[in-house]
């Protein structure tokens, strides 16, 4: 595994392309957890996020961020800036270098 990681070639544009294929659905859990932090129960947050997620799942032209930004229910708990920050893919990748270094030298 160490040899594999050490010789791994990363293509950032492909990472971004693959993240975009989900049309934002990979962020649904983070949105839900942030809403729980705002005082909702897990069930309430799940129900609210699920509505927007199902819209995206059913329509290939939709994306989750846009649906959340249109949802009055979501905007009662999260403002536009919070939603934008959650959908910033650089947050997902911020520890990649550390993880690879740790894997190589372990």
C-alpha atoms as a PDB file:
ATOM      1  CA  UNK A   1       0.000   0.000   0.000  1.00  0.00           C
ATOM      2  CA  UNK A   2       2.841   2.391   0.799  1.00  0.00           C
ATOM      3  CA  UNK A   3       4.320   1.872  -2.665  1.00  0.00           C
ATOM      4  CA  UNK A   4       0.927   2.482  -4.243  1.00  0.00           C
ATOM      5  CA  UNK A   5       0.397   5.740  -2.342  1.00  0.00           C
ATOM      6  CA  UNK A   6       3.972   6.906  -2.931  1.00  0.00           C
ATOM      7  CA  UNK A   7       3.595   6.467  -6.708  1.00  0.00           C
ATOM      8  CA  UNK A   8       0.023   7.676  -6.934  1.00  0.00           C
ATOM      9  CA  UNK A   9      -0.584  10.355  -9.550  1.00  0.00           C
ATOM     10  CA  UNK A  10      -3.292  12.853  -8.663  1.00  0.00           C
ATOM     11  CA  UNK A  11      -5.258  14.742 -11.290  1.00  0.00           C
ATOM     12  CA  UNK A  12      -7.045  17.611  -9.496  1.00  0.00           C
ATOM     13  CA  UNK A  13      -9.253  18.353 -12.489  1.00  0.00           C
ATOM     14  CA  UNK A  14     -10.533  14.762 -12.413  1.00  0.00           C
ATOM     15  CA  UNK A  15     -11.182  14.993  -8.680  1.00  0.00           C
ATOM     16  CA  UNK A  16     -13.275  18.107  -9.254  1.00  0.00           C
ATOM     17  CA  UNK A  17     -15.068  16.483 -12.205  1.00  0.00           C
ATOM     18  CA  UNK A  18     -15.978  13.462 -10.082  1.00  0.00           C
ATOM     19  CA  UNK A  19     -17.162  15.640  -7.201  1.00  0.00           C
ATOM     20  CA  UNK A  20     -19.373  17.575  -9.633  1.00  0.00           C
ATOM     21  CA  UNK A  21     -20.977  14.372 -10.914  1.00  0.00           C
ATOM     22  CA  UNK A  22     -22.906  14.124  -7.640  1.00  0.00           C
ATOM     23  CA  UNK A  23     -24.487  17.549  -8.253  1.00  0.00           C
ATOM     24  CA  UNK A  24     -23.800  18.404  -4.638  1.00  0.00           C
ATOM     25  CA  UNK A  25     -25.438  15.391  -3.043  1.00  0.00           C
ATOM     26  CA  UNK A  26     -22.157  14.505  -1.316  1.00  0.00           C
ATOM     27  CA  UNK A  27     -22.687  17.567   0.881  1.00  0.00           C
ATOM     28  CA  UNK A  28     -26.140  16.539   2.143  1.00  0.00           C
ATOM     29  CA  UNK A  29     -24.813  15.011   5.365  1.00  0.00           C
ATOM     30  CA  UNK A  30     -22.767  18.116   6.165  1.00  0.00           C
ATOM     31  CA  UNK A  31     -25.824  20.311   5.600  1.00  0.00           C
ATOM     32  CA  UNK A  32     -27.896  18.062   7.830  1.00  0.00           C
ATOM     33  CA  UNK A  33     -25.279  18.088  10.605  1.00  0.00           C
ATOM     34  CA  UNK A  34     -24.983  21.876  10.449  1.00  0.00           C
ATOM     35  CA  UNK A  35     -28.762  22.141  10.838  1.00  0.00           C
ATOM     36  CA  UNK A  36     -28.592  19.838  13.856  1.00  0.00           C
ATOM     37  CA  UNK A  37     -25.954  22.182  15.295  1.00  0.00           C
ATOM     38  CA  UNK A  38     -28.562  24.950  14.914  1.00  0.00           C
ATOM     39  CA  UNK A  39     -30.995  23.087  17.178  1.00  0.00           C
ATOM     40  CA  UNK A  40     -32.985  20.787  14.897  1.00  0.00           C
ATOM     41  CA  UNK A  41     -33.415  17.128  15.739  1.00  0.00           C
ATOM     42  CA  UNK A  42     -31.738  14.647  13.417  1.00  0.00           C
ATOM     43  CA  UNK A  43     -35.158  13.651  12.080  1.00  0.00           C
ATOM     44  CA  UNK A  44     -36.169  17.262  11.365  1.00  0.00           C
ATOM     45  CA  UNK A  45     -32.897  18.060   9.609  1.00  0.00           C
ATOM     46  CA  UNK A  46     -33.038  14.823   7.619  1.00  0.00           C
ATOM     47  CA  UNK A  47     -36.579  15.534   6.450  1.00  0.00           C
ATOM     48  CA  UNK A  48     -35.706  19.061   5.301  1.00  0.00           C
ATOM     49  CA  UNK A  49     -32.517  18.055   3.478  1.00  0.00           C
ATOM     50  CA  UNK A  50     -34.140  14.975   1.994  1.00  0.00           C
ATOM     51  CA  UNK A  51     -36.747  17.098   0.188  1.00  0.00           C
ATOM     52  CA  UNK A  52     -34.094  19.038  -1.698  1.00  0.00           C
ATOM     53  CA  UNK A  53     -31.945  15.950  -2.234  1.00  0.00           C
ATOM     54  CA  UNK A  54     -34.826  14.044  -3.794  1.00  0.00           C
ATOM     55  CA  UNK A  55     -35.450  16.944  -6.189  1.00  0.00           C
ATOM     56  CA  UNK A  56     -31.815  16.721  -7.316  1.00  0.00           C
ATOM     57  CA  UNK A  57     -31.924  12.937  -7.553  1.00  0.00           C
ATOM     58  CA  UNK A  58     -35.030  13.080  -9.752  1.00  0.00           C
ATOM     59  CA  UNK A  59     -33.889  15.870 -12.083  1.00  0.00           C
ATOM     60  CA  UNK A  60     -30.412  15.704 -13.642  1.00  0.00           C
ATOM     61  CA  UNK A  61     -30.502  19.450 -14.349  1.00  0.00           C
ATOM     62  CA  UNK A  62     -30.712  20.381 -10.664  1.00  0.00           C
ATOM     63  CA  UNK A  63     -27.988  20.650  -8.047  1.00  0.00           C
ATOM     64  CA  UNK A  64     -28.287  20.530  -4.284  1.00  0.00           C
ATOM     65  CA  UNK A  65     -26.776  23.919  -3.509  1.00  0.00           C
ATOM     66  CA  UNK A  66     -29.272  25.714  -5.763  1.00  0.00           C
ATOM     67  CA  UNK A  67     -32.171  23.755  -4.293  1.00  0.00           C
ATOM     68  CA  UNK A  68     -31.074  24.522  -0.727  1.00  0.00           C
ATOM     69  CA  UNK A  69     -30.678  28.211  -1.535  1.00  0.00           C
ATOM     70  CA  UNK A  70     -34.301  28.226  -2.765  1.00  0.00           C
ATOM     71  CA  UNK A  71     -35.635  26.392   0.278  1.00  0.00           C
ATOM     72  CA  UNK A  72     -37.270  28.641   2.837  1.00  0.00           C
ATOM     73  CA  UNK A  73     -37.031  25.824   5.382  1.00  0.00           C
ATOM     74  CA  UNK A  74     -33.268  25.557   4.972  1.00  0.00           C
ATOM     75  CA  UNK A  75     -32.753  29.319   4.967  1.00  0.00           C
ATOM     76  CA  UNK A  76     -34.472  29.547   8.372  1.00  0.00           C
ATOM     77  CA  UNK A  77     -31.456  27.748   9.836  1.00  0.00           C
ATOM     78  CA  UNK A  78     -28.547  28.385   7.463  1.00  0.00           C
ATOM     79  CA  UNK A  79     -27.712  31.592   5.648  1.00  0.00           C
ATOM     80  CA  UNK A  80     -26.391  31.781   2.090  1.00  0.00           C
ATOM     81  CA  UNK A  81     -22.777  32.194   3.245  1.00  0.00           C
ATOM     82  CA  UNK A  82     -22.945  29.064   5.427  1.00  0.00           C
ATOM     83  CA  UNK A  83     -24.326  27.040   2.527  1.00  0.00           C
ATOM     84  CA  UNK A  84     -21.682  28.400   0.142  1.00  0.00           C
ATOM     85  CA  UNK A  85     -18.929  27.465   2.635  1.00  0.00           C
ATOM     86  CA  UNK A  86     -20.227  23.918   2.986  1.00  0.00           C
ATOM     87  CA  UNK A  87     -20.170  23.488  -0.791  1.00  0.00           C
ATOM     88  CA  UNK A  88     -16.559  24.666  -1.040  1.00  0.00           C
ATOM     89  CA  UNK A  89     -14.748  21.496  -2.153  1.00  0.00           C
ATOM     90  CA  UNK A  90     -11.403  22.774  -0.927  1.00  0.00           C
ATOM     91  CA  UNK A  91     -12.646  22.051   2.620  1.00  0.00           C
ATOM     92  CA  UNK A  92     -12.934  18.371   1.679  1.00  0.00           C
ATOM     93  CA  UNK A  93      -9.413  18.298   0.364  1.00  0.00           C
ATOM     94  CA  UNK A  94      -7.629  20.438   2.949  1.00  0.00           C
ATOM     95  CA  UNK A  95      -6.002  17.470   4.759  1.00  0.00           C
ATOM     96  CA  UNK A  96      -5.104  15.399   1.698  1.00  0.00           C
ATOM     97  CA  UNK A  97      -1.383  16.223   1.831  1.00  0.00           C
ATOM     98  CA  UNK A  98      -1.219  15.307   5.516  1.00  0.00           C
ATOM     99  CA  UNK A  99      -3.030  12.007   4.919  1.00  0.00           C
ATOM    100  CA  UNK A 100      -0.738  11.040   2.045  1.00  0.00           C
ATOM    101  CA  UNK A 101       2.396  11.962   3.980  1.00  0.00           C
ATOM    102  CA  UNK A 102       1.206   9.976   6.956  1.00  0.00           C
ATOM    103  CA  UNK A 103       0.468   6.979   4.717  1.00  0.00           C
ATOM    104  CA  UNK A 104       3.826   7.097   2.968  1.00  0.00           C
ATOM    105  CA  UNK A 105       5.919   7.317   6.106  1.00  0.00           C
ATOM    106  CA  UNK A 106       3.918   4.938   8.311  1.00  0.00           C
END
